[in-house]
Amino acid sequence: MRTLQQHLASISDYAAKNIPQELRDVMHKRTEDLSATGQAQKATTVGDTAPSFELPDSTGTLVRSQDLLAKGPLVLTFFRGHW
């Protein structure tokens, strides 16, 4: 089984071989810009309690974290995209 670092290295190798340099430059610049905002230091980490929230699900129905937590553990996944 590969470690996370090995998996990330293989993704980086693939990107270097298959994504045009101009696009990689834009991606790196955007990552630097985001890093410079300091938001990563404000993010929750393992063991932190997330604040309660209400968000639309994939069908547009509002879902409350409190309702989901009442059913059991809650896992959040964030997708970065511009769609």
PDB file of N, CA and C in Angstrom:
ATOM      1  N   MET A   1       0.847  -1.182   0.000  1.00  0.00           N
ATOM      2  CA  MET A   1       0.000   0.000   0.000  1.00  0.00           C
ATOM      3  C   MET A   1       0.893   1.247   0.000  1.00  0.00           C
ATOM      4  N   ARG A   2       0.533   2.199  -0.862  1.00  0.00           N
ATOM      5  CA  ARG A   2       1.315   3.427  -0.952  1.00  0.00           C
ATOM      6  C   ARG A   2       0.957   4.394   0.169  1.00  0.00           C
ATOM      7  N   THR A   3       1.944   5.177   0.568  1.00  0.00           N
ATOM      8  CA  THR A   3       1.693   6.217   1.560  1.00  0.00           C
ATOM      9  C   THR A   3       1.040   7.411   0.860  1.00  0.00           C
ATOM     10  N   LEU A   4       0.516   8.314   1.648  1.00  0.00           N
ATOM     11  CA  LEU A   4      -0.070   9.533   1.092  1.00  0.00           C
ATOM     12  C   LEU A   4       0.987  10.309   0.315  1.00  0.00           C
ATOM     13  N   GLN A   5       2.184  10.408   0.856  1.00  0.00           N
ATOM     14  CA  GLN A   5       3.256  11.146   0.177  1.00  0.00           C
ATOM     15  C   GLN A   5       3.585  10.526  -1.178  1.00  0.00           C
ATOM     16  N   GLN A   6       3.595   9.188  -1.249  1.00  0.00           N
ATOM     17  CA  GLN A   6       3.861   8.516  -2.521  1.00  0.00           C
ATOM     18  C   GLN A   6       2.739   8.790  -3.526  1.00  0.00           C
ATOM     19  N   HIS A   7       1.515   8.769  -3.041  1.00  0.00           N
ATOM     20  CA  HIS A   7       0.370   9.039  -3.910  1.00  0.00           C
ATOM     21  C   HIS A   7       0.420  10.480  -4.436  1.00  0.00           C
ATOM     22  N   LEU A   8       0.694  11.423  -3.555  1.00  0.00           N
ATOM     23  CA  LEU A   8       0.787  12.824  -3.979  1.00  0.00           C
ATOM     24  C   LEU A   8       1.928  13.032  -4.964  1.00  0.00           C
ATOM     25  N   ALA A   9       3.047  12.337  -4.759  1.00  0.00           N
ATOM     26  CA  ALA A   9       4.175  12.440  -5.683  1.00  0.00           C
ATOM     27  C   ALA A   9       3.797  11.907  -7.059  1.00  0.00           C
ATOM     28  N   SER A  10       3.024  10.832  -7.114  1.00  0.00           N
ATOM     29  CA  SER A  10       2.621  10.290  -8.417  1.00  0.00           C
ATOM     30  C   SER A  10       1.661  11.244  -9.128  1.00  0.00           C
ATOM     31  N   ILE A  11       0.811  11.926  -8.379  1.00  0.00           N
ATOM     32  CA  ILE A  11      -0.086  12.921  -8.983  1.00  0.00           C
ATOM     33  C   ILE A  11       0.738  14.078  -9.540  1.00  0.00           C
ATOM     34  N   SER A  12       1.712  14.517  -8.787  1.00  0.00           N
ATOM     35  CA  SER A  12       2.581  15.611  -9.227  1.00  0.00           C
ATOM     36  C   SER A  12       3.353  15.221 -10.482  1.00  0.00           C
ATOM     37  N   ASP A  13       3.870  13.995 -10.515  1.00  0.00           N
ATOM     38  CA  ASP A  13       4.590  13.503 -11.702  1.00  0.00           C
ATOM     39  C   ASP A  13       3.676  13.463 -12.918  1.00  0.00           C
ATOM     40  N   TYR A  14       2.460  12.969 -12.724  1.00  0.00           N
ATOM     41  CA  TYR A  14       1.491  12.908 -13.819  1.00  0.00           C
ATOM     42  C   TYR A  14       1.197  14.312 -14.349  1.00  0.00           C
ATOM     43  N   ALA A  15       0.970  15.254 -13.431  1.00  0.00           N
ATOM     44  CA  ALA A  15       0.664  16.626 -13.842  1.00  0.00           C
ATOM     45  C   ALA A  15       1.820  17.220 -14.635  1.00  0.00           C
ATOM     46  N   ALA A  16       3.042  16.986 -14.178  1.00  0.00           N
ATOM     47  CA  ALA A  16       4.215  17.537 -14.861  1.00  0.00           C
ATOM     48  C   ALA A  16       4.331  17.012 -16.284  1.00  0.00           C
ATOM     49  N   LYS A  17       3.884  15.795 -16.508  1.00  0.00           N
ATOM     50  CA  LYS A  17       3.992  15.173 -17.838  1.00  0.00           C
ATOM     51  C   LYS A  17       2.802  15.465 -18.736  1.00  0.00           C
ATOM     52  N   ASN A  18       1.638  15.777 -18.148  1.00  0.00           N
ATOM     53  CA  ASN A  18       0.408  15.828 -18.943  1.00  0.00           C
ATOM     54  C   ASN A  18      -0.320  17.166 -18.964  1.00  0.00           C
ATOM     55  N   ILE A  19       0.030  18.077 -18.089  1.00  0.00           N
ATOM     56  CA  ILE A  19      -0.631  19.388 -18.075  1.00  0.00           C
ATOM     57  C   ILE A  19       0.333  20.403 -18.671  1.00  0.00           C
ATOM     58  N   PRO A  20      -0.126  21.186 -19.658  1.00  0.00           N
ATOM     59  CA  PRO A  20       0.754  22.180 -20.280  1.00  0.00           C
ATOM     60  C   PRO A  20       1.353  23.136 -19.248  1.00  0.00           C
ATOM     61  N   GLN A  21       2.588  23.534 -19.476  1.00  0.00           N
ATOM     62  CA  GLN A  21       3.312  24.395 -18.542  1.00  0.00           C
ATOM     63  C   GLN A  21       2.551  25.686 -18.240  1.00  0.00           C
ATOM     64  N   GLU A  22       1.916  26.280 -19.261  1.00  0.00           N
ATOM     65  CA  GLU A  22       1.185  27.536 -19.035  1.00  0.00           C
ATOM     66  C   GLU A  22       0.070  27.336 -18.016  1.00  0.00           C
ATOM     67  N   LEU A  23      -0.619  26.215 -18.108  1.00  0.00           N
ATOM     68  CA  LEU A  23      -1.707  25.925 -17.179  1.00  0.00           C
ATOM     69  C   LEU A  23      -1.151  25.618 -15.787  1.00  0.00           C
ATOM     70  N   ARG A  24      -0.057  24.885 -15.712  1.00  0.00           N
ATOM     71  CA  ARG A  24       0.564  24.610 -14.416  1.00  0.00           C
ATOM     72  C   ARG A  24       1.023  25.900 -13.749  1.00  0.00           C
ATOM     73  N   ASP A  25       1.528  26.852 -14.545  1.00  0.00           N
ATOM     74  CA  ASP A  25       1.945  28.142 -13.988  1.00  0.00           C
ATOM     75  C   ASP A  25       0.764  28.867 -13.349  1.00  0.00           C
ATOM     76  N   VAL A  26      -0.384  28.850 -14.029  1.00  0.00           N
ATOM     77  CA  VAL A  26      -1.599  29.489 -13.500  1.00  0.00           C
ATOM     78  C   VAL A  26      -2.025  28.794 -12.215  1.00  0.00           C
ATOM     79  N   MET A  27      -1.998  27.464 -12.207  1.00  0.00           N
ATOM     80  CA  MET A  27      -2.404  26.711 -11.025  1.00  0.00           C
ATOM     81  C   MET A  27      -1.490  27.029  -9.838  1.00  0.00           C
ATOM     82  N   HIS A  28      -0.190  27.087 -10.077  1.00  0.00           N
ATOM     83  CA  HIS A  28       0.753  27.403  -9.007  1.00  0.00           C
ATOM     84  C   HIS A  28       0.555  28.832  -8.495  1.00  0.00           C
ATOM     85  N   LYS A  29       0.294  29.768  -9.396  1.00  0.00           N
ATOM     86  CA  LYS A  29       0.066  31.158  -9.000  1.00  0.00           C
ATOM     87  C   LYS A  29      -1.181  31.267  -8.123  1.00  0.00           C
ATOM     88  N   ARG A  30      -2.244  30.578  -8.520  1.00  0.00           N
ATOM     89  CA  ARG A  30      -3.488  30.622  -7.731  1.00  0.00           C
ATOM     90  C   ARG A  30      -3.268  30.003  -6.354  1.00  0.00           C
ATOM     91  N   THR A  31      -2.489  28.928  -6.289  1.00  0.00           N
ATOM     92  CA  THR A  31      -2.181  28.305  -5.006  1.00  0.00           C
ATOM     93  C   THR A  31      -1.389  29.260  -4.127  1.00  0.00           C
ATOM     94  N   GLU A  32      -0.415  29.941  -4.699  1.00  0.00           N
ATOM     95  CA  GLU A  32       0.364  30.931  -3.954  1.00  0.00           C
ATOM     96  C   GLU A  32      -0.521  32.065  -3.460  1.00  0.00           C
ATOM     97  N   ASP A  33      -1.421  32.540  -4.328  1.00  0.00           N
ATOM     98  CA  ASP A  33      -2.338  33.621  -3.946  1.00  0.00           C
ATOM     99  C   ASP A  33      -3.207  33.197  -2.760  1.00  0.00           C
ATOM    100  N   LEU A  34      -3.743  31.987  -2.825  1.00  0.00           N
ATOM    101  CA  LEU A  34      -4.586  31.494  -1.744  1.00  0.00           C
ATOM    102  C   LEU A  34      -3.774  31.332  -0.466  1.00  0.00           C
ATOM    103  N   SER A  35      -2.586  30.807  -0.576  1.00  0.00           N
ATOM    104  CA  SER A  35      -1.722  30.633   0.590  1.00  0.00           C
ATOM    105  C   SER A  35      -1.413  31.972   1.251  1.00  0.00           C
ATOM    106  N   ALA A  36      -1.226  32.991   0.447  1.00  0.00           N
ATOM    107  CA  ALA A  36      -0.878  34.320   0.963  1.00  0.00           C
ATOM    108  C   ALA A  36      -2.019  34.954   1.760  1.00  0.00           C
ATOM    109  N   THR A  37      -3.249  34.474   1.611  1.00  0.00           N
ATOM    110  CA  THR A  37      -4.369  35.039   2.358  1.00  0.00           C
ATOM    111  C   THR A  37      -4.338  34.639   3.823  1.00  0.00           C
ATOM    112  N   GLY A  38      -3.604  33.579   4.165  1.00  0.00           N
ATOM    113  CA  GLY A  38      -3.555  33.111   5.537  1.00  0.00           C
ATOM    114  C   GLY A  38      -4.752  32.287   5.959  1.00  0.00           C
ATOM    115  N   GLN A  39      -5.626  31.966   5.033  1.00  0.00           N
ATOM    116  CA  GLN A  39      -6.834  31.203   5.376  1.00  0.00           C
ATOM    117  C   GLN A  39      -6.520  29.807   5.903  1.00  0.00           C
ATOM    118  N   ALA A  40      -5.452  29.203   5.419  1.00  0.00           N
ATOM    119  CA  ALA A  40      -5.120  27.844   5.866  1.00  0.00           C
ATOM    120  C   ALA A  40      -4.873  27.802   7.370  1.00  0.00           C
ATOM    121  N   GLN A  41      -4.304  28.858   7.918  1.00  0.00           N
ATOM    122  CA  GLN A  41      -4.033  28.896   9.351  1.00  0.00           C
ATOM    123  C   GLN A  41      -5.306  29.021  10.177  1.00  0.00           C
ATOM    124  N   LYS A  42      -6.397  29.451   9.546  1.00  0.00           N
ATOM    125  CA  LYS A  42      -7.669  29.612  10.233  1.00  0.00           C
ATOM    126  C   LYS A  42      -8.553  28.366  10.122  1.00  0.00           C
ATOM    127  N   ALA A  43      -8.141  27.412   9.307  1.00  0.00           N
ATOM    128  CA  ALA A  43      -8.952  26.225   9.057  1.00  0.00           C
ATOM    129  C   ALA A  43      -8.991  25.315  10.285  1.00  0.00           C
ATOM    130  N   THR A  44     -10.084  24.577  10.396  1.00  0.00           N
ATOM    131  CA  THR A  44     -10.161  23.591  11.465  1.00  0.00           C
ATOM    132  C   THR A  44      -9.192  22.457  11.163  1.00  0.00           C
ATOM    133  N   THR A  45      -8.763  21.786  12.199  1.00  0.00           N
ATOM    134  CA  THR A  45      -7.842  20.663  12.042  1.00  0.00           C
ATOM    135  C   THR A  45      -8.426  19.443  12.746  1.00  0.00           C
ATOM    136  N   VAL A  46      -7.737  18.337  12.652  1.00  0.00           N
ATOM    137  CA  VAL A  46      -8.193  17.094  13.260  1.00  0.00           C
ATOM    138  C   VAL A  46      -8.484  17.325  14.737  1.00  0.00           C
ATOM    139  N   GLY A  47      -9.673  16.911  15.156  1.00  0.00           N
ATOM    140  CA  GLY A  47     -10.063  17.049  16.547  1.00  0.00           C
ATOM    141  C   GLY A  47     -10.852  18.303  16.847  1.00  0.00           C
ATOM    142  N   ASP A  48     -10.824  19.293  15.949  1.00  0.00           N
ATOM    143  CA  ASP A  48     -11.606  20.516  16.158  1.00  0.00           C
ATOM    144  C   ASP A  48     -13.087  20.220  15.933  1.00  0.00           C
ATOM    145  N   THR A  49     -13.923  21.006  16.563  1.00  0.00           N
ATOM    146  CA  THR A  49     -15.359  20.916  16.347  1.00  0.00           C
ATOM    147  C   THR A  49     -15.762  21.983  15.337  1.00  0.00           C
ATOM    148  N   ALA A  50     -16.395  21.560  14.279  1.00  0.00           N
ATOM    149  CA  ALA A  50     -16.846  22.501  13.250  1.00  0.00           C
ATOM    150  C   ALA A  50     -18.089  23.238  13.740  1.00  0.00           C
ATOM    151  N   PRO A  51     -18.282  24.469  13.302  1.00  0.00           N
ATOM    152  CA  PRO A  51     -19.501  25.187  13.689  1.00  0.00           C
ATOM    153  C   PRO A  51     -20.724  24.576  13.009  1.00  0.00           C
ATOM    154  N   SER A  52     -21.874  24.770  13.600  1.00  0.00           N
ATOM    155  CA  SER A  52     -23.119  24.322  12.973  1.00  0.00           C
ATOM    156  C   SER A  52     -23.305  25.063  11.663  1.00  0.00           C
ATOM    157  N   PHE A  53     -23.939  24.395  10.709  1.00  0.00           N
ATOM    158  CA  PHE A  53     -24.154  25.027   9.404  1.00  0.00           C
ATOM    159  C   PHE A  53     -25.418  24.496   8.757  1.00  0.00           C
ATOM    160  N   GLU A  54     -25.848  25.229   7.757  1.00  0.00           N
ATOM    161  CA  GLU A  54     -26.969  24.838   6.916  1.00  0.00           C
ATOM    162  C   GLU A  54     -26.547  25.110   5.479  1.00  0.00           C
ATOM    163  N   LEU A  55     -26.552  24.059   4.658  1.00  0.00           N
ATOM    164  CA  LEU A  55     -26.106  24.182   3.270  1.00  0.00           C
ATOM    165  C   LEU A  55     -27.035  23.415   2.344  1.00  0.00           C
ATOM    166  N   PRO A  56     -27.120  23.827   1.070  1.00  0.00           N
ATOM    167  CA  PRO A  56     -27.923  23.053   0.130  1.00  0.00           C
ATOM    168  C   PRO A  56     -27.188  21.768  -0.272  1.00  0.00           C
ATOM    169  N   ASP A  57     -27.946  20.680  -0.402  1.00  0.00           N
ATOM    170  CA  ASP A  57     -27.354  19.445  -0.904  1.00  0.00           C
ATOM    171  C   ASP A  57     -27.355  19.479  -2.432  1.00  0.00           C
ATOM    172  N   SER A  58     -27.044  18.362  -3.061  1.00  0.00           N
ATOM    173  CA  SER A  58     -26.922  18.330  -4.524  1.00  0.00           C
ATOM    174  C   SER A  58     -28.237  18.586  -5.242  1.00  0.00           C
ATOM    175  N   THR A  59     -29.371  18.499  -4.525  1.00  0.00           N
ATOM    176  CA  THR A  59     -30.675  18.771  -5.140  1.00  0.00           C
ATOM    177  C   THR A  59     -31.197  20.154  -4.781  1.00  0.00           C
ATOM    178  N   GLY A  60     -30.415  20.892  -3.959  1.00  0.00           N
ATOM    179  CA  GLY A  60     -30.831  22.227  -3.559  1.00  0.00           C
ATOM    180  C   GLY A  60     -31.599  22.264  -2.242  1.00  0.00           C
ATOM    181  N   THR A  61     -31.848  21.105  -1.649  1.00  0.00           N
ATOM    182  CA  THR A  61     -32.541  21.039  -0.366  1.00  0.00           C
ATOM    183  C   THR A  61     -31.589  21.437   0.752  1.00  0.00           C
ATOM    184  N   LEU A  62     -32.032  22.354   1.619  1.00  0.00           N
ATOM    185  CA  LEU A  62     -31.184  22.769   2.731  1.00  0.00           C
ATOM    186  C   LEU A  62     -31.049  21.643   3.751  1.00  0.00           C
ATOM    187  N   VAL A  63     -29.817  21.407   4.151  1.00  0.00           N
ATOM    188  CA  VAL A  63     -29.500  20.357   5.118  1.00  0.00           C
ATOM    189  C   VAL A  63     -28.785  21.001   6.301  1.00  0.00           C
ATOM    190  N   ARG A  64     -29.213  20.667   7.512  1.00  0.00           N
ATOM    191  CA  ARG A  64     -28.599  21.226   8.716  1.00  0.00           C
ATOM    192  C   ARG A  64     -27.648  20.203   9.330  1.00  0.00           C
ATOM    193  N   SER A  65     -26.486  20.671   9.726  1.00  0.00           N
ATOM    194  CA  SER A  65     -25.501  19.774  10.329  1.00  0.00           C
ATOM    195  C   SER A  65     -26.053  19.131  11.595  1.00  0.00           C
ATOM    196  N   GLN A  66     -26.819  19.869  12.370  1.00  0.00           N
ATOM    197  CA  GLN A  66     -27.379  19.325  13.613  1.00  0.00           C
ATOM    198  C   GLN A  66     -28.283  18.127  13.334  1.00  0.00           C
ATOM    199  N   ASP A  67     -29.063  18.193  12.247  1.00  0.00           N
ATOM    200  CA  ASP A  67     -29.944  17.077  11.889  1.00  0.00           C
ATOM    201  C   ASP A  67     -29.130  15.852  11.484  1.00  0.00           C
ATOM    202  N   LEU A  68     -28.056  16.083  10.747  1.00  0.00           N
ATOM    203  CA  LEU A  68     -27.213  14.970  10.314  1.00  0.00           C
ATOM    204  C   LEU A  68     -26.479  14.348  11.496  1.00  0.00           C
ATOM    205  N   LEU A  69     -25.970  15.182  12.390  1.00  0.00           N
ATOM    206  CA  LEU A  69     -25.247  14.680  13.558  1.00  0.00           C
ATOM    207  C   LEU A  69     -26.154  13.874  14.489  1.00  0.00           C
ATOM    208  N   ALA A  70     -27.443  14.176  14.476  1.00  0.00           N
ATOM    209  CA  ALA A  70     -28.384  13.428  15.308  1.00  0.00           C
ATOM    210  C   ALA A  70     -28.488  11.973  14.849  1.00  0.00           C
ATOM    211  N   LYS A  71     -28.116  11.725  13.581  1.00  0.00           N
ATOM    212  CA  LYS A  71     -28.175  10.366  13.019  1.00  0.00           C
ATOM    213  C   LYS A  71     -26.857   9.616  13.205  1.00  0.00           C
ATOM    214  N   GLY A  72     -25.779  10.332  13.528  1.00  0.00           N
ATOM    215  CA  GLY A  72     -24.479   9.675  13.703  1.00  0.00           C
ATOM    216  C   GLY A  72     -23.355  10.596  13.257  1.00  0.00           C
ATOM    217  N   PRO A  73     -22.136  10.050  13.135  1.00  0.00           N
ATOM    218  CA  PRO A  73     -20.987  10.862  12.733  1.00  0.00           C
ATOM    219  C   PRO A  73     -21.202  11.509  11.364  1.00  0.00           C
ATOM    220  N   LEU A  74     -20.583  12.642  11.169  1.00  0.00           N
ATOM    221  CA  LEU A  74     -20.735  13.415   9.932  1.00  0.00           C
ATOM    222  C   LEU A  74     -19.377  13.614   9.283  1.00  0.00           C
ATOM    223  N   VAL A  75     -19.303  13.328   7.997  1.00  0.00           N
ATOM    224  CA  VAL A  75     -18.083  13.542   7.223  1.00  0.00           C
ATOM    225  C   VAL A  75     -18.389  14.578   6.147  1.00  0.00           C
ATOM    226  N   LEU A  76     -17.557  15.609   6.069  1.00  0.00           N
ATOM    227  CA  LEU A  76     -17.726  16.647   5.057  1.00  0.00           C
ATOM    228  C   LEU A  76     -16.660  16.488   3.988  1.00  0.00           C
ATOM    229  N   THR A  77     -17.052  16.675   2.753  1.00  0.00           N
ATOM    230  CA  THR A  77     -16.112  16.654   1.643  1.00  0.00           C
ATOM    231  C   THR A  77     -16.289  17.932   0.866  1.00  0.00           C
ATOM    232  N   PHE A  78     -15.180  18.601   0.576  1.00  0.00           N
ATOM    233  CA  PHE A  78     -15.212  19.848  -0.173  1.00  0.00           C
ATOM    234  C   PHE A  78     -14.593  19.610  -1.541  1.00  0.00           C
ATOM    235  N   PHE A  79     -15.268  20.071  -2.574  1.00  0.00           N
ATOM    236  CA  PHE A  79     -14.771  19.955  -3.928  1.00  0.00           C
ATOM    237  C   PHE A  79     -14.414  21.325  -4.438  1.00  0.00           C
ATOM    238  N   ARG A  80     -13.203  21.450  -4.931  1.00  0.00           N
ATOM    239  CA  ARG A  80     -12.775  22.713  -5.516  1.00  0.00           C
ATOM    240  C   ARG A  80     -13.170  22.685  -6.990  1.00  0.00           C
ATOM    241  N   GLY A  81     -13.857  23.693  -7.408  1.00  0.00           N
ATOM    242  CA  GLY A  81     -14.273  23.737  -8.794  1.00  0.00           C
ATOM    243  C   GLY A  81     -14.804  25.097  -9.172  1.00  0.00           C
ATOM    244  N   HIS A  82     -14.986  25.309 -10.422  1.00  0.00           N
ATOM    245  CA  HIS A  82     -15.490  26.609 -10.904  1.00  0.00           C
ATOM    246  C   HIS A  82     -16.777  26.430 -11.700  1.00  0.00           C
ATOM    247  N   TRP A  83     -17.397  25.276 -11.561  1.00  0.00           N
ATOM    248  CA  TRP A  83     -18.627  25.032 -12.307  1.00  0.00           C
ATOM    249  C   TRP A  83     -19.724  25.905 -11.786  1.00  0.00           C
TER     250      TRP A  83
END
